[in-house]
Amino acid sequence: MARKQKFPHLVGSKWTALEDTFGWRHFQVCNRKNEGEWVFAELRSSCDETVRFWINAKVLKDRRRWAAGWMTLEEIVERKAND
């Protein structure tokens, strides 16, 4: 029986970094890489396509660092105040 793929909808997903990351906050997953049991996502800044980096996809589940979708600065501030 085939194994269930981890993070099946990763490519194309949009993320907001709750802290500036390489000078930006809004990113989109443009690639994925499976390395054994690990899954990595390549994130690209939505405002500067030259800003790209790889991250362990599990880190995206950390709600203190990342939010699924794109958030406004006001939403980020409100979310941090409620945590």
N, C-alpha and C. Protein backbone atom coordinates (compact mmCIF):
# COMPACT_ATOMS: atom_id res chain seq x y z
N MET A 1 0.84 -1.18 0.00
CA MET A 1 0.00 0.00 0.00
C MET A 1 0.89 1.25 0.00
N ALA A 2 0.52 2.24 -0.79
CA ALA A 2 1.30 3.48 -0.90
C ALA A 2 1.19 4.29 0.38
N ARG A 3 2.30 4.94 0.73
CA ARG A 3 2.31 5.79 1.92
C ARG A 3 1.65 7.13 1.62
N LYS A 4 0.97 7.65 2.61
CA LYS A 4 0.32 8.95 2.47
C LYS A 4 1.39 10.04 2.40
N GLN A 5 1.27 10.93 1.43
CA GLN A 5 2.24 12.00 1.26
C GLN A 5 2.07 13.05 2.35
N LYS A 6 3.19 13.44 2.98
CA LYS A 6 3.15 14.52 3.97
C LYS A 6 3.05 15.85 3.25
N PHE A 7 2.25 16.75 3.76
CA PHE A 7 2.08 18.09 3.20
C PHE A 7 1.70 18.04 1.71
N PRO A 8 0.58 17.40 1.36
CA PRO A 8 0.24 17.22 -0.06
C PRO A 8 -0.08 18.52 -0.81
N HIS A 9 -0.50 19.56 -0.13
CA HIS A 9 -0.87 20.82 -0.81
C HIS A 9 0.15 21.93 -0.54
N LEU A 10 1.39 21.55 -0.34
CA LEU A 10 2.42 22.51 0.05
C LEU A 10 2.76 23.49 -1.06
N VAL A 11 3.03 22.98 -2.26
CA VAL A 11 3.44 23.85 -3.37
C VAL A 11 2.28 24.77 -3.75
N GLY A 12 2.57 26.05 -3.82
CA GLY A 12 1.55 27.04 -4.15
C GLY A 12 0.90 27.68 -2.93
N SER A 13 1.13 27.09 -1.75
CA SER A 13 0.51 27.66 -0.55
C SER A 13 1.18 28.98 -0.18
N LYS A 14 0.41 29.85 0.48
CA LYS A 14 0.88 31.20 0.84
C LYS A 14 1.01 31.28 2.35
N TRP A 15 2.06 31.99 2.80
CA TRP A 15 2.37 32.08 4.22
C TRP A 15 2.78 33.48 4.61
N THR A 16 2.44 33.86 5.84
CA THR A 16 2.88 35.12 6.41
C THR A 16 3.84 34.82 7.55
N ALA A 17 5.04 35.40 7.48
CA ALA A 17 5.98 35.31 8.60
C ALA A 17 5.57 36.36 9.62
N LEU A 18 5.45 35.96 10.88
CA LEU A 18 5.01 36.90 11.90
C LEU A 18 6.12 37.86 12.32
N GLU A 19 7.34 37.58 11.91
CA GLU A 19 8.48 38.49 12.07
C GLU A 19 9.11 38.66 10.69
N ASP A 20 9.72 39.81 10.45
CA ASP A 20 10.41 40.01 9.16
C ASP A 20 11.38 38.87 8.92
N THR A 21 11.34 38.32 7.73
CA THR A 21 12.23 37.23 7.33
C THR A 21 12.92 37.65 6.04
N PHE A 22 14.21 37.87 6.11
CA PHE A 22 14.98 38.40 4.98
C PHE A 22 14.36 39.70 4.47
N GLY A 23 13.78 40.47 5.39
CA GLY A 23 13.21 41.77 5.05
C GLY A 23 11.77 41.74 4.58
N TRP A 24 11.15 40.58 4.53
CA TRP A 24 9.78 40.45 4.01
C TRP A 24 8.93 39.60 4.94
N ARG A 25 7.61 39.64 4.70
CA ARG A 25 6.67 38.85 5.50
C ARG A 25 5.82 37.87 4.68
N HIS A 26 5.56 38.18 3.42
CA HIS A 26 4.66 37.34 2.62
C HIS A 26 5.46 36.46 1.67
N PHE A 27 5.16 35.15 1.75
CA PHE A 27 5.90 34.16 0.98
C PHE A 27 4.94 33.15 0.35
N GLN A 28 5.42 32.52 -0.72
CA GLN A 28 4.68 31.45 -1.37
C GLN A 28 5.63 30.28 -1.58
N VAL A 29 5.13 29.07 -1.35
CA VAL A 29 5.94 27.87 -1.55
C VAL A 29 6.02 27.60 -3.05
N CYS A 30 7.24 27.59 -3.58
CA CYS A 30 7.43 27.39 -5.02
C CYS A 30 8.01 26.02 -5.34
N ASN A 31 8.46 25.27 -4.33
CA ASN A 31 9.05 23.96 -4.58
C ASN A 31 9.05 23.17 -3.29
N ARG A 32 9.13 21.86 -3.40
CA ARG A 32 9.25 20.99 -2.24
C ARG A 32 10.30 19.94 -2.52
N LYS A 33 10.88 19.43 -1.44
CA LYS A 33 11.91 18.40 -1.57
C LYS A 33 11.70 17.40 -0.44
N ASN A 34 11.69 16.12 -0.78
CA ASN A 34 11.61 15.07 0.22
C ASN A 34 13.01 14.52 0.44
N GLU A 35 13.44 14.52 1.70
CA GLU A 35 14.76 13.98 2.08
C GLU A 35 14.51 12.95 3.16
N GLY A 36 14.33 11.69 2.75
CA GLY A 36 14.01 10.66 3.73
C GLY A 36 12.67 10.96 4.37
N GLU A 37 12.66 11.05 5.70
CA GLU A 37 11.41 11.34 6.41
C GLU A 37 11.10 12.83 6.48
N TRP A 38 12.02 13.68 6.03
CA TRP A 38 11.86 15.13 6.11
C TRP A 38 11.27 15.69 4.82
N VAL A 39 10.47 16.74 4.97
CA VAL A 39 9.92 17.47 3.82
C VAL A 39 10.38 18.92 3.96
N PHE A 40 10.95 19.44 2.88
CA PHE A 40 11.42 20.83 2.87
C PHE A 40 10.62 21.62 1.85
N ALA A 41 10.39 22.89 2.17
CA ALA A 41 9.67 23.80 1.28
C ALA A 41 10.59 24.93 0.88
N GLU A 42 10.57 25.29 -0.40
CA GLU A 42 11.30 26.47 -0.85
C GLU A 42 10.31 27.62 -0.88
N LEU A 43 10.58 28.63 -0.07
CA LEU A 43 9.71 29.81 -0.02
C LEU A 43 10.33 30.94 -0.83
N ARG A 44 9.45 31.66 -1.52
CA ARG A 44 9.87 32.81 -2.33
C ARG A 44 9.06 34.01 -1.86
N SER A 45 9.74 35.12 -1.65
CA SER A 45 9.05 36.34 -1.25
C SER A 45 8.10 36.77 -2.35
N SER A 46 6.91 37.20 -1.97
CA SER A 46 5.93 37.66 -2.95
C SER A 46 6.29 39.02 -3.52
N CYS A 47 7.06 39.79 -2.78
CA CYS A 47 7.42 41.15 -3.21
C CYS A 47 8.78 41.24 -3.87
N ASP A 48 9.62 40.25 -3.66
CA ASP A 48 10.98 40.24 -4.23
C ASP A 48 11.34 38.81 -4.58
N GLU A 49 11.18 38.45 -5.84
CA GLU A 49 11.38 37.06 -6.26
C GLU A 49 12.82 36.58 -6.14
N THR A 50 13.76 37.49 -5.88
CA THR A 50 15.14 37.06 -5.68
C THR A 50 15.36 36.51 -4.27
N VAL A 51 14.42 36.77 -3.36
CA VAL A 51 14.52 36.26 -1.99
C VAL A 51 13.86 34.89 -1.94
N ARG A 52 14.71 33.86 -1.79
CA ARG A 52 14.25 32.47 -1.74
C ARG A 52 15.05 31.74 -0.68
N PHE A 53 14.39 30.82 0.01
CA PHE A 53 15.11 30.00 0.99
C PHE A 53 14.34 28.70 1.23
N TRP A 54 15.08 27.69 1.71
CA TRP A 54 14.50 26.39 2.04
C TRP A 54 14.26 26.33 3.54
N ILE A 55 13.16 25.68 3.92
CA ILE A 55 12.79 25.55 5.33
C ILE A 55 12.15 24.18 5.53
N ASN A 56 12.37 23.59 6.70
CA ASN A 56 11.69 22.34 7.03
C ASN A 56 10.20 22.65 7.10
N ALA A 57 9.39 21.91 6.37
CA ALA A 57 7.95 22.19 6.29
C ALA A 57 7.27 22.13 7.66
N LYS A 58 7.81 21.35 8.60
CA LYS A 58 7.22 21.29 9.93
C LYS A 58 7.27 22.64 10.64
N VAL A 59 8.27 23.45 10.32
CA VAL A 59 8.40 24.77 10.95
C VAL A 59 7.19 25.65 10.61
N LEU A 60 6.59 25.42 9.44
CA LEU A 60 5.42 26.22 9.04
C LEU A 60 4.22 25.97 9.96
N LYS A 61 4.24 24.89 10.71
CA LYS A 61 3.15 24.60 11.65
C LYS A 61 3.28 25.39 12.96
N ASP A 62 4.42 26.05 13.15
CA ASP A 62 4.66 26.84 14.36
C ASP A 62 3.89 28.15 14.25
N ARG A 63 2.76 28.25 14.93
CA ARG A 63 1.86 29.41 14.82
C ARG A 63 2.43 30.67 15.47
N ARG A 64 3.54 30.54 16.21
CA ARG A 64 4.20 31.73 16.76
C ARG A 64 5.11 32.37 15.71
N ARG A 65 5.42 31.63 14.64
CA ARG A 65 6.31 32.13 13.59
C ARG A 65 5.62 32.35 12.26
N TRP A 66 4.66 31.47 11.92
CA TRP A 66 4.06 31.47 10.59
C TRP A 66 2.54 31.40 10.68
N ALA A 67 1.88 32.03 9.71
CA ALA A 67 0.42 31.94 9.58
C ALA A 67 0.11 31.55 8.14
N ALA A 68 -0.80 30.61 7.97
CA ALA A 68 -1.22 30.21 6.62
C ALA A 68 -1.98 31.36 5.99
N GLY A 69 -1.72 31.60 4.71
CA GLY A 69 -2.36 32.70 4.00
C GLY A 69 -1.59 33.99 4.23
N TRP A 70 -2.11 35.06 3.68
CA TRP A 70 -1.47 36.37 3.83
C TRP A 70 -2.28 37.21 4.80
N MET A 71 -1.58 37.84 5.72
CA MET A 71 -2.21 38.69 6.74
C MET A 71 -1.70 40.12 6.58
N THR A 72 -2.55 41.07 6.97
CA THR A 72 -2.12 42.47 6.99
C THR A 72 -1.29 42.69 8.26
N LEU A 73 -0.57 43.80 8.29
CA LEU A 73 0.23 44.13 9.47
C LEU A 73 -0.67 44.28 10.69
N GLU A 74 -1.86 44.85 10.51
CA GLU A 74 -2.79 45.00 11.63
C GLU A 74 -3.22 43.64 12.17
N GLU A 75 -3.47 42.69 11.29
CA GLU A 75 -3.85 41.34 11.72
C GLU A 75 -2.71 40.66 12.48
N ILE A 76 -1.49 40.90 12.03
CA ILE A 76 -0.32 40.31 12.70
C ILE A 76 -0.20 40.87 14.11
N VAL A 77 -0.32 42.20 14.25
CA VAL A 77 -0.22 42.85 15.56
C VAL A 77 -1.31 42.34 16.49
N GLU A 78 -2.53 42.22 15.97
CA GLU A 78 -3.65 41.73 16.78
C GLU A 78 -3.42 40.29 17.22
N ARG A 79 -2.93 39.48 16.32
CA ARG A 79 -2.67 38.07 16.65
C ARG A 79 -1.60 37.95 17.73
N LYS A 80 -0.54 38.74 17.62
CA LYS A 80 0.52 38.70 18.63
C LYS A 80 0.00 39.17 19.99
N ALA A 81 -0.90 40.15 20.00
CA ALA A 81 -1.45 40.65 21.25
C ALA A 81 -2.31 39.60 21.95
N ASN A 82 -2.94 38.73 21.17
CA ASN A 82 -3.81 37.70 21.73
C ASN A 82 -3.05 36.45 22.17
N ASP A 83 -1.79 36.34 21.79
CA ASP A 83 -1.00 35.14 22.17
C ASP A 83 -0.39 35.27 23.54
